[in-house]
Protein backbone atom coordinates (compact mmCIF):
# COMPACT_ATOMS: atom_id res chain seq x y z
CA MET A 1 102.50 88.04 66.08
CA PHE A 2 104.41 86.71 69.03
CA THR A 3 108.15 86.94 69.50
CA ASN A 4 110.52 84.14 68.62
CA ARG A 5 110.38 81.67 71.50
CA SER A 6 114.11 81.42 72.13
CA THR A 7 114.48 85.21 72.08
CA THR A 8 111.58 85.56 74.48
CA ARG A 9 113.08 83.08 76.90
CA PHE A 10 116.41 84.89 76.85
CA VAL A 11 114.77 88.24 77.47
CA VAL A 12 112.53 86.93 80.21
CA SER A 13 115.45 85.26 81.95
CA LEU A 14 117.16 88.63 82.12
CA LEU A 15 113.96 90.16 83.38
CA CYS A 16 113.77 87.57 86.09
CA LEU A 17 117.27 88.40 87.29
CA LEU A 18 116.23 92.00 87.81
CA LEU A 19 112.98 90.98 89.47
CA PHE A 20 114.84 88.58 91.73
CA LEU A 21 117.09 91.36 92.97
CA ILE A 22 114.05 93.49 93.70
CA ALA A 23 111.82 90.87 95.28
CA CYS A 24 114.52 89.35 97.46
CA GLU A 25 115.65 92.78 98.62
CA VAL A 26 119.34 92.42 97.97
CA PRO A 27 120.87 95.75 99.03
CA THR A 28 122.84 97.25 96.16
CA ASN A 29 123.94 100.67 95.01
CA ASP A 30 124.39 99.53 91.43
CA ALA A 31 122.06 100.73 88.70
CA PRO A 32 119.45 98.18 87.57
CA THR A 33 120.58 95.77 84.88
CA PRO A 34 119.46 97.10 81.47
CA VAL A 35 116.72 94.95 80.01
CA PRO A 36 116.24 94.56 76.25
CA PRO A 37 112.67 95.49 75.25
CA THR A 38 110.24 92.73 74.45
CA PRO A 39 107.78 93.60 71.68
CA ASN A 40 104.25 93.70 73.06
CA SER A 41 101.97 91.09 71.61
CA SER A 42 98.37 91.89 70.85
CA LEU A 43 95.61 89.33 70.88
CA THR A 44 92.22 88.97 69.30
CA SER A 45 89.53 86.54 70.30
CA THR A 46 89.89 84.75 66.95
CA GLU A 47 93.50 83.77 67.58
CA THR A 48 92.67 80.63 69.57
CA ALA A 49 95.34 77.99 69.24
CA GLU A 50 94.60 75.47 66.53
CA SER A 51 96.68 72.35 66.53
CA SER A 52 96.20 68.67 65.90
CA GLU A 53 98.70 67.98 68.67
CA PRO A 54 97.52 67.71 72.30
CA VAL A 55 98.03 70.93 74.21
CA GLU A 56 98.59 71.38 77.93
CA LEU A 57 97.71 74.73 79.47
CA VAL A 58 99.45 75.13 82.83
CA ILE A 59 97.86 77.54 85.29
CA TRP A 60 99.21 78.54 88.67
CA ALA A 61 96.19 79.20 90.87
CA GLU A 62 95.61 80.33 94.45
CA SER A 63 95.44 77.66 97.16
CA PHE A 64 91.69 77.40 97.80
CA THR A 65 90.71 77.02 94.15
CA HIS A 66 93.35 74.34 93.69
CA SER A 67 92.89 72.33 96.89
CA THR A 68 89.09 72.16 96.90
CA MET A 69 89.03 70.54 93.48
CA THR A 70 90.00 67.32 95.27
CA THR A 71 88.94 67.94 98.88
CA ASP A 72 85.46 69.33 98.14
CA PRO A 73 84.55 68.58 94.52
CA GLU A 74 80.80 68.82 95.15
CA GLY A 75 81.07 72.13 97.03
CA ALA A 76 83.76 74.81 96.78
CA GLY A 77 85.70 72.65 94.35
CA ARG A 78 83.03 73.08 91.68
CA TYR A 79 84.62 76.44 90.82
CA GLY A 80 88.08 75.06 90.08
CA LEU A 81 86.64 72.06 88.27
CA HIS A 82 84.62 74.42 86.07
CA LEU A 83 87.81 76.32 85.19
CA LYS A 84 89.31 73.05 84.02
CA GLU A 85 86.52 70.87 82.70
CA GLN A 86 84.35 73.46 80.97
CA PHE A 87 87.32 75.03 79.19
CA GLU A 88 88.53 71.60 78.10
CA ALA A 89 85.06 70.73 76.80
CA GLU A 90 85.05 73.89 74.68
CA HIS A 91 88.62 73.30 73.44
CA PRO A 92 89.02 69.66 72.36
CA GLY A 93 92.59 68.45 72.62
CA VAL A 94 93.44 70.91 75.40
CA THR A 95 94.28 69.75 78.92
CA VAL A 96 94.08 72.38 81.67
CA THR A 97 96.49 71.68 84.51
CA ILE A 98 95.86 73.75 87.63
CA GLU A 99 98.69 73.94 90.16
CA HIS A 100 99.38 75.81 93.40
CA GLN A 101 102.86 77.27 93.77
CA GLY A 102 102.45 79.46 96.83
CA TRP A 103 101.47 83.09 97.35
CA ASP A 104 103.24 86.42 97.74
CA GLU A 105 107.02 86.03 98.15
CA ILE A 106 106.96 82.24 97.83
CA LEU A 107 104.99 82.53 94.60
CA ARG A 108 107.39 85.12 93.20
CA GLN A 109 110.41 83.00 94.08
CA ASN A 110 108.89 79.94 92.43
CA LEU A 111 108.00 81.98 89.36
CA PHE A 112 111.55 83.30 89.14
CA ASN A 113 112.96 79.78 89.31
CA ALA A 114 110.53 78.51 86.69
CA LEU A 115 111.20 81.39 84.29
CA LEU A 116 114.93 80.92 84.62
CA ALA A 117 114.60 77.20 83.94
CA GLY A 118 112.20 77.71 81.03
CA THR A 119 109.45 75.79 82.85
CA ALA A 120 107.13 78.66 83.72
CA PRO A 121 103.35 78.19 83.48
CA ASP A 122 101.22 79.72 80.76
CA ILE A 123 99.21 81.69 83.31
CA VAL A 124 100.22 83.00 86.72
CA VAL A 125 98.07 84.11 89.63
CA GLY A 126 98.74 86.95 92.06
CA GLU A 127 97.41 90.15 93.58
CA ASN A 128 99.88 92.99 93.74
CA PHE A 129 103.02 92.48 91.64
CA PHE A 130 101.83 92.58 88.04
CA GLN A 131 102.65 96.16 87.11
CA GLN A 132 106.39 95.67 87.32
CA TYR A 133 106.27 92.43 85.33
CA ALA A 134 104.23 94.22 82.67
CA GLU A 135 106.68 97.13 82.53
CA LEU A 136 109.52 94.69 81.99
CA GLY A 137 107.73 92.96 79.12
CA ALA A 138 107.08 89.66 80.89
CA LEU A 139 103.28 89.70 80.46
CA VAL A 140 100.97 89.63 77.45
CA PRO A 141 98.60 92.62 77.07
CA LEU A 142 94.97 91.57 76.90
CA ASP A 143 93.32 94.73 75.53
CA ASP A 144 92.33 93.35 72.13
CA ILE A 145 90.81 90.13 73.37
CA ILE A 146 88.83 91.72 76.23
CA ASP A 147 87.57 94.74 74.30
CA ASP A 148 84.04 93.35 74.13
CA VAL A 149 83.83 92.70 77.91
CA LYS A 150 85.84 95.59 79.35
CA ASP A 151 82.78 97.71 80.15
CA ASP A 152 81.50 94.90 82.38
CA LEU A 153 84.67 94.82 84.49
CA ILE A 154 85.06 96.77 87.74
CA PRO A 155 88.09 99.02 87.01
CA GLY A 156 89.50 98.69 90.52
CA THR A 157 89.74 94.92 90.11
CA TYR A 158 92.21 95.08 87.22
CA LYS A 159 94.01 98.25 88.32
CA ALA A 160 96.83 96.22 89.87
CA ALA A 161 97.54 94.73 86.42
CA GLU A 162 97.17 97.94 84.39
CA VAL A 163 100.13 99.90 83.01
CA ASP A 164 99.91 102.96 80.76
CA GLY A 165 96.30 102.19 79.95
CA SER A 166 96.92 98.57 78.94
CA ILE A 167 95.46 95.67 80.90
CA TYR A 168 97.65 92.64 81.59
CA GLY A 169 95.51 90.63 83.97
CA LEU A 170 91.90 90.04 85.00
CA SER A 171 90.35 89.39 88.39
CA ALA A 172 88.65 86.06 88.98
CA PHE A 173 87.09 87.23 92.24
CA THR A 174 87.60 90.18 94.50
CA GLY A 175 86.93 91.99 97.78
CA VAL A 176 86.60 95.48 99.19
CA PHE A 177 86.38 97.25 102.56
CA ALA A 178 83.34 98.67 104.35
CA PHE A 179 82.44 99.63 107.94
CA GLU A 180 81.41 97.04 110.52
CA ARG A 181 79.63 97.48 113.85
CA ASN A 182 78.57 95.17 116.66
CA CYS A 183 75.14 96.47 117.61
CA GLN A 184 75.20 94.77 120.99
CA VAL A 185 78.15 96.94 122.00
CA VAL A 186 76.83 100.07 120.33
CA THR A 187 73.45 99.90 122.06
CA ALA A 188 75.04 99.00 125.40
CA ALA A 189 76.77 102.38 125.21
CA GLY A 190 73.47 104.16 124.63
CA LEU A 191 73.87 104.77 120.88
CA ASP A 192 71.50 104.02 118.01
CA CYS A 193 72.87 101.18 115.91
CA ASP A 194 70.38 101.99 113.14
CA ALA A 195 72.24 105.27 112.57
CA PRO A 196 75.95 104.44 112.10
CA PRO A 197 78.49 107.28 112.02
CA GLU A 198 78.88 108.89 108.60
CA THR A 199 81.82 111.22 109.24
CA TRP A 200 85.19 110.93 110.92
CA ASP A 201 84.08 113.38 113.61
CA GLU A 202 81.00 111.28 114.35
CA LEU A 203 83.05 108.08 114.41
CA LEU A 204 85.64 109.46 116.81
CA SER A 205 82.99 110.98 119.08
CA GLU A 206 81.00 107.74 119.24
CA ALA A 207 84.10 105.60 119.71
CA GLN A 208 85.14 107.77 122.64
CA GLN A 209 81.67 107.52 124.16
CA ILE A 210 81.64 103.74 123.81
CA THR A 211 85.10 103.37 125.34
CA GLU A 212 84.12 105.54 128.28
CA SER A 213 80.86 103.64 128.75
CA GLY A 214 82.62 100.29 128.58
CA ALA A 215 85.00 101.14 131.43
CA GLY A 216 87.41 98.44 130.28
CA ASP A 217 84.78 95.86 129.34
CA TYR A 218 84.47 97.04 125.73
CA TYR A 219 85.96 99.72 123.50
CA GLY A 220 84.95 101.97 120.65
CA PHE A 221 87.18 100.81 117.80
CA THR A 222 89.45 98.03 116.57
CA LEU A 223 92.55 99.41 114.86
CA GLN A 224 94.98 96.96 113.34
CA GLY A 225 98.39 98.51 113.69
CA PRO A 226 101.84 97.95 112.21
CA VAL A 227 103.60 94.59 112.47
CA GLN A 228 107.04 94.36 110.81
CA THR A 229 106.49 94.25 107.03
CA SER A 230 102.83 93.15 107.15
CA VAL A 231 100.40 95.25 105.12
CA GLY A 232 97.25 94.10 106.93
CA GLY A 233 96.94 97.29 108.96
CA ILE A 234 98.15 99.42 106.06
CA PHE A 235 95.30 98.12 103.90
CA ARG A 236 92.73 99.56 106.31
CA ILE A 237 94.57 102.83 106.88
CA ALA A 238 94.79 103.14 103.08
CA VAL A 239 90.99 103.50 103.05
CA PHE A 240 91.22 106.63 105.22
CA LEU A 241 94.11 107.96 103.11
CA ALA A 242 92.10 107.46 99.92
CA GLN A 243 89.11 109.26 101.42
CA ALA A 244 91.32 112.24 102.21
CA GLY A 245 93.03 112.20 98.81
CA ALA A 246 96.40 111.63 100.49
CA PRO A 247 98.42 109.00 98.60
CA ILE A 248 101.61 107.62 100.10
CA CYS A 249 103.14 107.17 96.65
CA GLN A 250 104.29 109.40 93.79
CA ASP A 251 105.76 109.13 90.27
CA ASN A 252 102.80 107.14 88.96
CA CYS A 253 102.60 105.46 92.37
CA THR A 254 105.96 103.72 91.96
CA LYS A 255 107.93 105.56 94.66
CA PRO A 256 107.21 106.47 98.30
CA TYR A 257 105.61 109.75 99.30
CA PHE A 258 105.58 109.12 103.03
CA ASN A 259 105.82 112.83 103.80
CA ASN A 260 102.72 113.87 101.86
CA PRO A 261 101.39 116.80 103.94
CA ASP A 262 97.82 115.84 103.02
CA ALA A 263 98.29 112.69 105.12
CA ILE A 264 98.89 114.60 108.37
CA PRO A 265 95.16 114.90 109.30
CA VAL A 266 94.70 111.21 108.48
CA LEU A 267 97.48 110.10 110.82
CA GLU A 268 96.25 112.46 113.53
CA PHE A 269 92.83 110.82 113.21
CA ILE A 270 94.38 107.33 113.35
CA ARG A 271 96.30 108.32 116.48
CA GLU A 272 93.05 109.28 118.21
CA LEU A 273 91.23 106.14 117.04
CA HIS A 274 94.02 104.02 118.48
CA LYS A 275 93.24 105.41 121.92
CA GLN A 276 89.78 103.82 121.60
CA THR A 277 91.20 100.36 120.76
CA PRO A 278 91.55 97.60 123.37
CA PRO A 279 95.03 98.02 124.93
CA GLY A 280 97.74 96.12 123.05
CA LEU A 281 95.38 94.75 120.42
CA ALA A 282 96.64 96.94 117.57
CA PHE A 283 100.08 95.32 117.72
CA ASN A 284 98.85 91.73 117.81
CA ALA A 285 100.52 89.93 114.89
CA ASN A 286 97.54 87.56 114.53
CA GLU A 287 95.11 89.40 112.26
CA GLY A 288 92.32 86.96 113.00
CA GLN A 289 92.52 87.60 116.72
CA VAL A 290 92.48 91.36 116.12
CA TYR A 291 89.19 91.45 114.23
CA GLU A 292 87.45 88.69 116.16
CA GLN A 293 87.37 90.94 119.22
CA LEU A 294 84.50 92.90 117.68
CA PHE A 295 82.61 89.69 116.97
CA ARG A 296 83.07 88.70 120.62
CA GLY A 297 81.80 92.03 121.95
CA LEU A 298 85.08 93.66 122.98
CA SER A 299 84.83 96.52 120.48
CA ALA A 300 82.12 98.32 118.53
CA TYR A 301 83.49 99.54 115.19
CA GLN A 302 86.14 98.48 112.65
CA ILE A 303 87.06 98.49 108.98
CA ALA A 304 85.91 95.16 107.53
CA GLY A 305 86.74 93.15 104.44
CA SER A 306 83.95 91.65 102.36
CA TRP A 307 84.57 88.23 103.93
CA HIS A 308 83.66 89.54 107.42
CA PRO A 309 79.88 88.89 107.39
CA GLY A 310 80.30 85.13 107.20
CA TRP A 311 83.23 85.24 109.60
CA ALA A 312 81.26 87.26 112.15
CA LYS A 313 78.40 84.75 112.06
CA SER A 314 80.77 81.82 112.49
CA ILE A 315 82.20 83.38 115.65
CA GLY A 316 78.75 84.12 117.04
CA CYS A 317 78.08 87.81 116.46
CA GLU A 318 74.29 87.97 116.59
CA ASP A 319 73.91 91.51 115.26
CA CYS A 320 76.90 92.68 113.23
CA ARG A 321 75.94 95.21 110.57
CA TYR A 322 77.66 96.98 107.69
CA SER A 323 77.68 100.39 106.04
CA ALA A 324 79.97 102.72 104.12
CA VAL A 325 83.16 103.81 105.86
CA PRO A 326 82.68 107.27 107.48
CA ILE A 327 84.38 110.05 105.50
CA PRO A 328 86.26 113.19 106.57
CA GLU A 329 84.98 116.70 106.14
CA ASP A 330 85.58 117.71 102.50
CA GLY A 331 86.63 114.13 101.80
CA GLN A 332 85.30 111.60 99.31
CA PRO A 333 83.80 108.11 99.51
CA ALA A 334 86.61 105.66 98.77
CA SER A 335 87.70 102.13 99.48
CA ILE A 336 90.54 99.74 98.69
CA ILE A 337 90.36 96.55 96.66
CA VAL A 338 91.54 93.57 98.73
CA GLY A 339 91.66 89.80 98.38
CA ASN A 340 91.72 90.35 94.64
CA VAL A 341 92.83 87.25 92.72
CA ILE A 342 94.25 88.17 89.30
CA TYR A 343 95.42 85.91 86.47
CA ALA A 344 97.86 87.00 83.74
CA VAL A 345 99.48 85.41 80.69
CA LEU A 346 103.26 85.13 80.63
CA GLN A 347 105.14 86.08 77.48
CA GLN A 348 107.01 82.79 77.89
CA SER A 349 103.79 80.83 77.38
CA GLU A 350 103.90 78.26 74.57
CA HIS A 351 100.21 78.94 73.94
CA PRO A 352 99.62 82.65 74.56
CA GLU A 353 96.45 83.01 72.49
CA LEU A 354 94.86 80.03 74.23
CA ALA A 355 96.04 81.26 77.61
CA ALA A 356 94.46 84.64 76.96
CA GLU A 357 91.20 82.90 76.07
CA TRP A 358 91.32 81.15 79.45
CA VAL A 359 91.89 84.42 81.30
CA LYS A 360 88.90 85.90 79.49
CA PHE A 361 86.95 82.76 80.41
CA ILE A 362 87.26 83.60 84.14
CA VAL A 363 85.15 86.73 83.67
CA ARG A 364 82.52 85.01 81.54
CA GLU A 365 79.00 84.96 82.94
CA ASP A 366 78.81 81.26 83.83
CA THR A 367 82.18 81.37 85.58
CA GLN A 368 81.47 84.55 87.51
CA ASP A 369 78.08 83.21 88.60
CA LEU A 370 79.86 80.32 90.35
CA VAL A 371 82.13 82.51 92.48
CA TYR A 372 79.83 83.41 95.37
CA PRO A 373 77.89 80.14 95.77
CA THR A 374 81.05 78.01 95.70
CA LEU A 375 83.78 80.19 97.22
CA GLY A 376 81.78 82.70 99.21
CA ARG A 377 83.74 85.47 97.49
CA LEU A 378 82.52 88.35 95.35
CA PRO A 379 82.59 88.21 91.54
CA SER A 380 84.49 90.86 89.57
CA THR A 381 82.00 91.86 86.88
CA ARG A 382 79.15 94.34 87.06
CA SER A 383 76.68 91.91 85.54
CA ALA A 384 77.47 89.14 88.03
CA LEU A 385 77.37 91.49 91.02
CA THR A 386 74.10 93.02 89.86
CA LYS A 387 72.54 89.58 89.41
CA LEU A 388 73.83 88.42 92.79
CA ARG A 389 72.73 91.43 94.84
CA PRO A 390 68.98 90.64 95.25
CA ASN A 391 69.80 87.14 96.47
CA VAL A 392 72.17 87.91 99.35
CA ASP A 393 71.80 89.38 102.82
CA PRO A 394 72.03 93.13 103.53
CA ALA A 395 75.58 92.71 104.83
CA THR A 396 76.85 91.31 101.54
CA GLN A 397 74.78 93.84 99.62
CA GLU A 398 76.77 96.65 101.25
CA PHE A 399 80.04 95.28 99.88
CA ILE A 400 78.49 94.71 96.46
CA ASP A 401 77.31 98.32 96.48
CA GLN A 402 80.84 99.48 97.22
CA LEU A 403 82.11 97.63 94.15
CA LEU A 404 79.27 98.79 91.91
CA ASN A 405 78.94 102.40 93.00
CA ASN A 406 82.16 103.63 94.59
CA SER A 407 84.15 105.47 91.92
CA GLU A 408 87.30 105.57 94.09
CA LEU A 409 88.41 101.97 94.44
CA GLY A 410 92.15 102.02 94.97
CA ILE A 411 94.97 99.53 95.44
CA LEU A 412 98.13 99.51 97.50
CA PRO A 413 101.28 100.82 95.79
CA GLN A 414 103.45 98.34 93.94
CA TRP A 415 106.95 99.49 94.89
CA ARG A 416 109.48 98.82 92.15
CA LYS A 417 112.44 98.48 94.51
CA GLU A 418 112.75 96.89 97.96
CA PRO A 419 109.01 96.50 98.66
CA GLN A 420 109.42 94.69 101.96
CA LEU A 421 111.87 97.25 103.28
CA LEU A 422 109.58 100.10 102.26
CA TRP A 423 106.56 98.57 103.95
CA GLY A 424 108.71 98.04 107.02
CA ILE A 425 109.60 101.73 107.03
CA TYR A 426 105.96 102.73 106.72
CA ASN A 427 105.05 100.42 109.58
CA ASP A 428 107.80 102.05 111.64
CA LEU A 429 106.16 105.39 110.82
CA LEU A 430 102.82 104.09 112.06
CA THR A 431 104.42 102.73 115.22
CA GLU A 432 105.76 106.18 116.05
CA VAL A 433 102.37 107.72 115.33
CA LEU A 434 100.54 105.31 117.62
CA THR A 435 103.02 105.06 120.49
CA THR A 436 104.31 108.62 120.81
CA GLU A 437 103.00 112.17 120.76
CA ARG A 438 105.73 113.39 118.44
CA PRO A 439 104.66 115.78 115.68
CA ILE A 440 103.26 113.80 112.74
CA ALA A 441 105.14 115.88 110.15
CA GLU A 442 108.45 115.12 111.84
CA ILE A 443 107.76 111.38 111.85
CA MET A 444 106.75 111.48 108.19
CA GLU A 445 109.93 113.32 107.16
CA GLU A 446 112.08 110.72 108.90
CA ALA A 447 110.24 107.93 107.12
CA GLN A 448 110.61 109.60 103.73
CA LEU A 449 114.35 110.04 104.23
CA ALA A 450 114.68 106.38 105.20
CA ALA A 451 112.67 105.32 102.14
CA GLU A 452 114.74 107.43 99.77
CA LYS A 453 117.92 105.96 101.16
CA VAL A 454 116.60 102.45 100.51
CA ILE A 455 115.72 103.09 96.86
CA GLU A 456 118.56 105.42 95.86
């Protein structure tokens, strides 16, 4: 059974205070405020709320799902309307209210304020902050209610909401990285675009050849570099780190491991790739401008998210193609989950069983089948991806294959303390790697010391 509502609100308010200190990065040397434990609630699919009184289920959703319900109800908005209207039709007396309350830090701040005021939603959206909320008892575990569908889920898509083997959130739709090439540039440099590089050595060799052939007109690679606390470049570099088995986190991926010696070859490789990138482009703060250079014929190769095929066509790339990211010698195929929209049930929900049913509803066949045709995004279940694959172009098939077949689908670390400061330190590390010839190990040690000072 669920906890007493007043007790839960008191506990969650204390949890929020701790989370607020972490998310807003208030420097402090004090120990974290002790948090009373909240008993975990378990759910079963038969525990749907039954009440003669009208029930409102409040869901905080991401912007596109929310906005298109009114701006494009016959197109992209069909997805959000399905989340509301179909669930309401199956649950008479229930009204589903879908709201948008921001993303990333704005979302977390709004959630903190709502929890403190006792006005939090039943369900919250997000991508990369759920583990800490789960550890603090603020989320409802979903294991019992999703037991019959778990085998159909792509593990990497719920990894960001998994703690100690329990799952606290499910992905509505997702994304992953692969390797992108502009064949016009590749062939102009005398290379065969039908045979993309498969290893790091091949990639670096070809990138160097393309840069030399281009003589300033085009380059071999697009590397997105570090910009303040942004993780855009880190996401792509994380693919190479995962391939080399070189994590930048330790202690169950809760604390920095910026001086992992296994990462030295990765950063040396990144340093060389940067030399094949159009001058100055890596430090452009506009991510769109960075990756559009390949579409426009200024570079040949780059790491691409699963939304790139449509983007490339819209910019005018006539022959952009996709394949698996080249791997290092003795490395492993790996990628990183990105653009992954997760929903979770808050312990403060007035209707937790019903809320959990809604979260399960987002991975149901009819809902997942709407994702790609309405949003242009990739579904999160094996069955939906398998059904979709024969009906999409080869570019999209490559990303689907990554989700279906790549056993190493990772996520970025979820730092428990001072996340923005830690990402800033790692970006400083990358800046030193890309702009100096200092020994990599020395740069890594400095970054680790700085990180430890921040979280001590």
